[in-house]
Amino acid sequence: MNKLNRTKQAQVIAALVEGNSINATVRMTGVAKNTILKLLAELGPACSEYQNRAFRNLTCKRIQCDEIWQFCYAKEKNVPADKKGKFGFGDVWTWVAIDADTKLIPSFMLGNRDAHTANVFIDDLASRLANRIQLTTDGLKVYLEAVEGAFGCAIDYAMLIKVYGASQEETRYSPAECIECVTNVVSGTPAPKHISTSYIERQNLTMRMGMRRFTRLTNGFSKKVENHAHAVAIHFMHYNFCRVHKTLRVTPAMEAGITDHIWTVEEMIGRVGAK
C-alpha cells in the first residue's frame, strides 16, 4: 500500500465499495490492475483484524443471521474434477449477523453451508456479546446445534421458516414465490413482533449492490477465494464505519457507540493500517 499515496488508495477503495469491478476501477483511477489487487490483499486482512478487535462486549439486543451464496473460480457444476470438493472452487457462502437496532455487522465469515461453519460462526458471534440477545435465523437446521452449543439456554431464539410455492428452485432471474412464513420458537421467550429476518435480507441486497463479486449473471465473480474474502472484509469495514445509514443518519459503528464520528475512506485505510 506504500506505492500509492493515501488519496489514490482512497480513490481505489471508494470505487470498489460502491460496486465497481476491478477493471472498471482501473479505467476510472488509472491505477494498474496488479496494484489494485495488492492493495486489496493488504487492506482486506487489516480490516478483518481491526473489526475482530473492535467488536467486543457489544450490547446488542436483537440479532438476525443469514447466509448468502456466491461462487469462486467457477460455478459448482463447472469445477474441474481435480478441484472438486476443495473450498474456494465452486459454492462459497458468506455468513452474516446484523444488529437489528444499530444495523452493525458484528460478525461475518466465509465457508460452506454446513454444520461446522455454522458452529464456528455462531461461536464467534457469541464471543462478541455482553448480554442476552434475541436471535432470529432462517430454517437452516444446522443453526439449532450451533446456537445451543454457543449460548445454551441463555438466549431467546426463534427460526423464521419461509414456505414457498410449487417449487423452491430459484429461476434465472427471480426466486420462487413465498406463500407463508412459519415461526418456530426454539429457546427462551423471543418477542413475537421482533421475530424477523428482514434486516439481514436487506443486508444481502446491500452486499450484492456494494460488491461487484456478488452481482449475479456477470463475469465479475472472484477467481480466487482469498480476494473474495478481502473484498468482504473491506465492504463491511466501510459499511460499519464510513457509510451513513439512511434511517439512522449515522454509521452503524456510531449508533453502536464504537466510534464518535463518520470515518472517511482515508481514515479507514490509515487506522487499519496503523501498527
Protein backbone atom coordinates (compact mmCIF):
# COMPACT_ATOMS: atom_id res chain seq x y z
CA MET A 1 0.00 0.00 0.00
CA ASN A 2 3.03 2.30 0.27
CA LYS A 3 3.35 2.53 -3.52
CA LEU A 4 0.21 4.65 -3.82
CA ASN A 5 -0.38 7.84 -1.89
CA ARG A 6 -3.28 7.84 0.55
CA THR A 7 -5.54 9.90 -1.71
CA LYS A 8 -5.12 7.45 -4.59
CA GLN A 9 -5.64 4.48 -2.28
CA ALA A 10 -8.89 6.05 -1.10
CA GLN A 11 -10.00 6.61 -4.69
CA VAL A 12 -9.49 2.95 -5.48
CA ILE A 13 -11.24 1.66 -2.35
CA ALA A 14 -14.14 4.11 -2.76
CA ALA A 15 -14.71 2.79 -6.28
CA LEU A 16 -14.63 -0.84 -5.13
CA VAL A 17 -17.02 -0.42 -2.19
CA GLU A 18 -19.53 1.32 -4.46
CA GLY A 19 -19.87 -1.83 -6.53
CA ASN A 20 -17.35 -1.23 -9.32
CA SER A 21 -15.34 -4.08 -10.75
CA ILE A 22 -11.54 -4.24 -10.70
CA ASN A 23 -11.34 -3.44 -14.41
CA ALA A 24 -13.76 -0.52 -14.08
CA THR A 25 -11.69 0.82 -11.19
CA VAL A 26 -8.57 0.58 -13.37
CA ARG A 27 -10.26 2.70 -16.01
CA MET A 28 -11.63 5.21 -13.52
CA THR A 29 -8.49 5.76 -11.46
CA GLY A 30 -5.66 4.92 -13.86
CA VAL A 31 -4.15 2.56 -11.29
CA ALA A 32 -2.75 -0.72 -12.62
CA LYS A 33 -4.78 -3.88 -12.01
CA ASN A 34 -1.97 -5.65 -10.15
CA THR A 35 -1.55 -2.62 -7.89
CA ILE A 36 -5.26 -2.68 -7.04
CA LEU A 37 -5.09 -6.39 -6.26
CA LYS A 38 -2.08 -5.83 -3.99
CA LEU A 39 -3.94 -3.05 -2.19
CA LEU A 40 -6.92 -5.36 -1.77
CA ALA A 41 -4.70 -8.14 -0.40
CA GLU A 42 -3.08 -5.81 2.18
CA LEU A 43 -6.16 -3.88 3.26
CA GLY A 44 -8.57 -6.84 3.46
CA PRO A 45 -6.81 -8.73 6.28
CA ALA A 46 -6.19 -5.44 8.11
CA CYS A 47 -9.92 -4.61 8.00
CA SER A 48 -10.81 -8.09 9.21
CA GLU A 49 -8.33 -7.92 12.08
CA TYR A 50 -9.44 -4.42 13.13
CA GLN A 51 -13.11 -5.39 13.29
CA ASN A 52 -12.21 -8.57 15.14
CA ARG A 53 -10.59 -6.44 17.86
CA ALA A 54 -13.13 -3.61 17.90
CA PHE A 55 -16.32 -5.64 18.10
CA ARG A 56 -16.13 -6.96 21.65
CA ASN A 57 -18.50 -6.67 24.63
CA LEU A 58 -21.28 -5.45 22.35
CA THR A 59 -24.60 -4.61 23.97
CA CYS A 60 -26.77 -5.76 21.07
CA LYS A 61 -30.32 -6.82 21.89
CA ARG A 62 -31.70 -8.26 18.64
CA ILE A 63 -29.57 -10.15 16.12
CA GLN A 64 -30.56 -11.60 12.74
CA CYS A 65 -28.40 -14.11 10.84
CA ASP A 66 -28.38 -15.43 7.29
CA GLU A 67 -26.10 -16.93 4.64
CA ILE A 68 -25.64 -15.50 1.16
CA TRP A 69 -24.43 -17.59 -1.79
CA GLN A 70 -21.82 -16.82 -4.39
CA PHE A 71 -19.23 -18.85 -6.23
CA CYS A 72 -15.50 -18.53 -6.80
CA TYR A 73 -13.39 -19.73 -9.73
CA ALA A 74 -16.39 -21.36 -11.44
CA LYS A 75 -19.93 -22.45 -10.72
CA GLU A 76 -20.14 -25.75 -8.84
CA LYS A 77 -21.22 -27.72 -11.91
CA ASN A 78 -18.25 -26.39 -13.92
CA VAL A 79 -15.50 -27.01 -11.37
CA PRO A 80 -12.82 -29.35 -12.82
CA ALA A 81 -12.55 -32.82 -11.32
CA ASP A 82 -9.16 -32.13 -9.72
CA LYS A 83 -10.60 -29.17 -7.81
CA LYS A 84 -13.95 -30.70 -6.80
CA GLY A 85 -14.54 -30.59 -3.05
CA LYS A 86 -11.82 -28.01 -2.41
CA PHE A 87 -13.00 -24.85 -0.65
CA GLY A 88 -12.72 -21.83 -2.90
CA PHE A 89 -13.71 -23.69 -6.04
CA GLY A 90 -17.46 -23.53 -6.63
CA ASP A 91 -20.00 -22.58 -3.96
CA VAL A 92 -18.85 -20.15 -1.27
CA TRP A 93 -21.28 -18.94 1.41
CA THR A 94 -20.91 -15.74 3.41
CA TRP A 95 -22.48 -15.97 6.87
CA VAL A 96 -23.55 -12.60 8.27
CA ALA A 97 -25.07 -11.33 11.53
CA ILE A 98 -26.70 -7.91 11.86
CA ASP A 99 -27.85 -5.94 14.88
CA ALA A 100 -31.47 -5.02 14.12
CA ASP A 101 -31.24 -1.80 16.17
CA THR A 102 -27.85 -0.30 15.21
CA LYS A 103 -27.55 -2.11 11.84
CA LEU A 104 -23.98 -3.03 12.85
CA ILE A 105 -22.45 -6.16 11.31
CA PRO A 106 -20.66 -7.63 14.36
CA SER A 107 -19.69 -10.95 12.77
CA PHE A 108 -19.21 -12.41 9.31
CA MET A 109 -17.29 -15.31 7.80
CA LEU A 110 -16.84 -17.30 4.62
CA GLY A 111 -17.38 -21.04 4.48
CA ASN A 112 -19.56 -23.88 3.36
CA ARG A 113 -23.23 -24.12 4.21
CA ASP A 114 -22.71 -26.87 6.77
CA ALA A 115 -22.72 -27.62 10.49
CA HIS A 116 -19.01 -26.95 11.00
CA THR A 117 -19.20 -23.44 9.55
CA ALA A 118 -22.40 -22.73 11.49
CA ASN A 119 -20.72 -23.72 14.76
CA VAL A 120 -17.67 -21.52 14.14
CA PHE A 121 -19.82 -18.58 13.04
CA ILE A 122 -22.24 -18.69 15.98
CA ASP A 123 -19.38 -19.25 18.46
CA ASP A 124 -17.70 -16.14 17.09
CA LEU A 125 -20.92 -14.14 17.36
CA ALA A 126 -21.48 -15.26 20.96
CA SER A 127 -17.93 -14.27 21.94
CA ARG A 128 -18.63 -10.65 20.94
CA LEU A 129 -21.78 -10.13 23.00
CA ALA A 130 -22.00 -8.81 26.56
CA ASN A 131 -25.62 -9.69 27.33
CA ARG A 132 -28.57 -11.91 26.45
CA ILE A 133 -29.99 -11.37 22.97
CA GLN A 134 -32.97 -12.28 20.85
CA LEU A 135 -31.80 -14.17 17.76
CA THR A 136 -33.68 -14.91 14.55
CA THR A 137 -32.38 -17.14 11.76
CA ASP A 138 -33.89 -18.87 8.77
CA GLY A 139 -34.90 -22.52 8.94
CA LEU A 140 -31.46 -24.00 8.24
CA LYS A 141 -31.22 -26.89 10.68
CA VAL A 142 -27.50 -26.58 11.39
CA TYR A 143 -28.27 -23.41 13.37
CA LEU A 144 -30.04 -25.47 16.06
CA GLU A 145 -26.96 -27.27 17.35
CA ALA A 146 -24.72 -24.26 16.76
CA VAL A 147 -26.88 -21.88 18.81
CA GLU A 148 -27.35 -24.39 21.63
CA GLY A 149 -23.61 -25.03 21.76
CA ALA A 150 -22.69 -21.35 21.84
CA PHE A 151 -25.45 -19.91 24.03
CA GLY A 152 -27.04 -22.85 25.85
CA CYS A 153 -30.36 -21.68 27.26
CA ALA A 154 -29.20 -18.08 27.76
CA ILE A 155 -30.84 -16.80 24.59
CA ASP A 156 -34.25 -16.02 23.14
CA TYR A 157 -34.07 -17.80 19.81
CA ALA A 158 -36.59 -18.33 17.03
CA MET A 159 -36.49 -19.52 13.44
CA LEU A 160 -38.49 -17.87 10.69
CA ILE A 161 -39.24 -20.58 8.14
CA LYS A 162 -40.42 -19.47 4.73
CA VAL A 163 -42.79 -21.71 2.80
CA TYR A 164 -42.54 -21.38 -0.96
CA GLY A 165 -44.89 -22.18 -3.79
CA ALA A 166 -44.85 -25.18 -6.11
CA SER A 167 -41.06 -25.10 -6.50
CA GLN A 168 -38.32 -23.82 -4.23
CA GLU A 169 -35.85 -23.85 -7.09
CA GLU A 170 -34.73 -20.35 -7.93
CA THR A 171 -35.34 -19.37 -11.53
CA ARG A 172 -32.83 -17.48 -13.62
CA TYR A 173 -33.97 -14.04 -12.54
CA SER A 174 -36.25 -14.37 -9.51
CA PRO A 175 -36.87 -16.73 -6.57
CA ALA A 176 -39.95 -18.90 -6.10
CA GLU A 177 -42.96 -17.18 -4.54
CA CYS A 178 -43.05 -17.14 -0.73
CA ILE A 179 -46.59 -18.01 0.32
CA GLU A 180 -46.19 -18.26 4.10
CA CYS A 181 -43.79 -17.56 6.99
CA VAL A 182 -43.85 -20.01 9.90
CA THR A 183 -42.38 -19.04 13.29
CA ASN A 184 -40.63 -21.72 15.33
CA VAL A 185 -39.62 -20.69 18.87
CA VAL A 186 -36.56 -22.75 19.78
CA SER A 187 -35.33 -21.32 23.09
CA GLY A 188 -36.39 -18.74 25.66
CA THR A 189 -39.20 -16.26 25.10
CA PRO A 190 -38.47 -14.18 22.00
CA ALA A 191 -40.82 -11.22 21.44
CA PRO A 192 -43.11 -12.23 18.54
CA LYS A 193 -43.01 -8.78 16.92
CA HIS A 194 -39.22 -8.98 16.67
CA ILE A 195 -39.03 -12.43 15.10
CA SER A 196 -37.87 -11.30 11.69
CA THR A 197 -35.08 -11.66 9.13
CA SER A 198 -36.00 -8.52 7.19
CA TYR A 199 -32.87 -6.55 8.11
CA ILE A 200 -30.43 -9.31 7.26
CA GLU A 201 -32.21 -9.99 3.97
CA ARG A 202 -31.93 -6.30 3.12
CA GLN A 203 -28.26 -6.54 4.01
CA ASN A 204 -27.94 -9.30 1.41
CA LEU A 205 -29.07 -6.75 -1.19
CA THR A 206 -26.56 -4.22 0.13
CA MET A 207 -23.81 -6.80 -0.33
CA ARG A 208 -24.83 -7.63 -3.88
CA MET A 209 -25.03 -3.93 -4.76
CA GLY A 210 -21.81 -2.95 -2.97
CA MET A 211 -19.53 -5.78 -4.11
CA ARG A 212 -19.25 -6.48 -7.81
CA ARG A 213 -18.15 -10.02 -6.99
CA PHE A 214 -21.65 -10.77 -5.69
CA THR A 215 -23.54 -9.45 -8.71
CA ARG A 216 -25.44 -12.23 -10.44
CA LEU A 217 -25.11 -13.12 -14.14
CA THR A 218 -21.82 -11.29 -14.71
CA ASN A 219 -18.17 -12.28 -15.10
CA GLY A 220 -17.25 -10.15 -12.09
CA PHE A 221 -17.10 -13.12 -9.71
CA SER A 222 -13.93 -13.80 -7.70
CA LYS A 223 -11.39 -16.05 -9.35
CA LYS A 224 -9.61 -16.61 -6.01
CA VAL A 225 -11.39 -17.10 -2.70
CA GLU A 226 -8.68 -15.07 -0.93
CA ASN A 227 -9.60 -11.97 -2.93
CA HIS A 228 -13.26 -12.73 -2.26
CA ALA A 229 -12.58 -12.70 1.49
CA HIS A 230 -10.59 -9.46 1.24
CA ALA A 231 -13.43 -7.73 -0.62
CA VAL A 232 -15.97 -8.86 2.00
CA ALA A 233 -13.83 -7.56 4.89
CA ILE A 234 -13.31 -4.18 3.21
CA HIS A 235 -17.02 -3.93 2.37
CA PHE A 236 -18.07 -4.43 6.00
CA MET A 237 -15.37 -2.10 7.31
CA HIS A 238 -16.67 0.63 5.03
CA TYR A 239 -20.30 -0.24 5.82
CA ASN A 240 -19.78 -0.20 9.59
CA PHE A 241 -17.58 2.90 9.90
CA CYS A 242 -17.88 5.07 6.77
CA ARG A 243 -21.31 4.66 5.22
CA VAL A 244 -24.12 6.70 6.75
CA HIS A 245 -27.26 4.61 7.20
CA LYS A 246 -30.21 6.42 5.64
CA THR A 247 -32.57 5.66 8.52
CA LEU A 248 -30.14 6.17 11.40
CA ARG A 249 -28.41 9.20 9.79
CA VAL A 250 -25.15 7.99 11.32
CA THR A 251 -22.93 5.00 10.66
CA PRO A 252 -23.72 1.68 12.38
CA ALA A 253 -20.49 1.94 14.39
CA MET A 254 -21.58 5.35 15.70
CA GLU A 255 -25.03 4.05 16.60
CA ALA A 256 -23.41 1.16 18.47
CA GLY A 257 -21.11 3.53 20.39
CA ILE A 258 -17.90 2.15 18.89
CA THR A 259 -16.83 5.46 17.35
CA ASP A 260 -17.99 9.06 17.71
CA HIS A 261 -17.76 10.26 14.11
CA ILE A 262 -18.15 9.26 10.48
CA TRP A 263 -14.89 7.90 9.11
CA THR A 264 -13.58 8.91 5.72
CA VAL A 265 -12.11 6.24 3.45
CA GLU A 266 -8.69 7.81 4.01
CA GLU A 267 -9.13 7.50 7.78
CA MET A 268 -10.29 3.90 7.40
CA ILE A 269 -7.16 2.99 5.45
CA GLY A 270 -4.94 4.83 7.91
CA ARG A 271 -6.46 3.30 11.02
CA VAL A 272 -6.49 -0.32 9.95
CA GLY A 273 -3.01 0.00 8.54
CA ALA A 274 -1.56 1.51 11.73
CA LYS A 275 0.76 -0.75 13.66
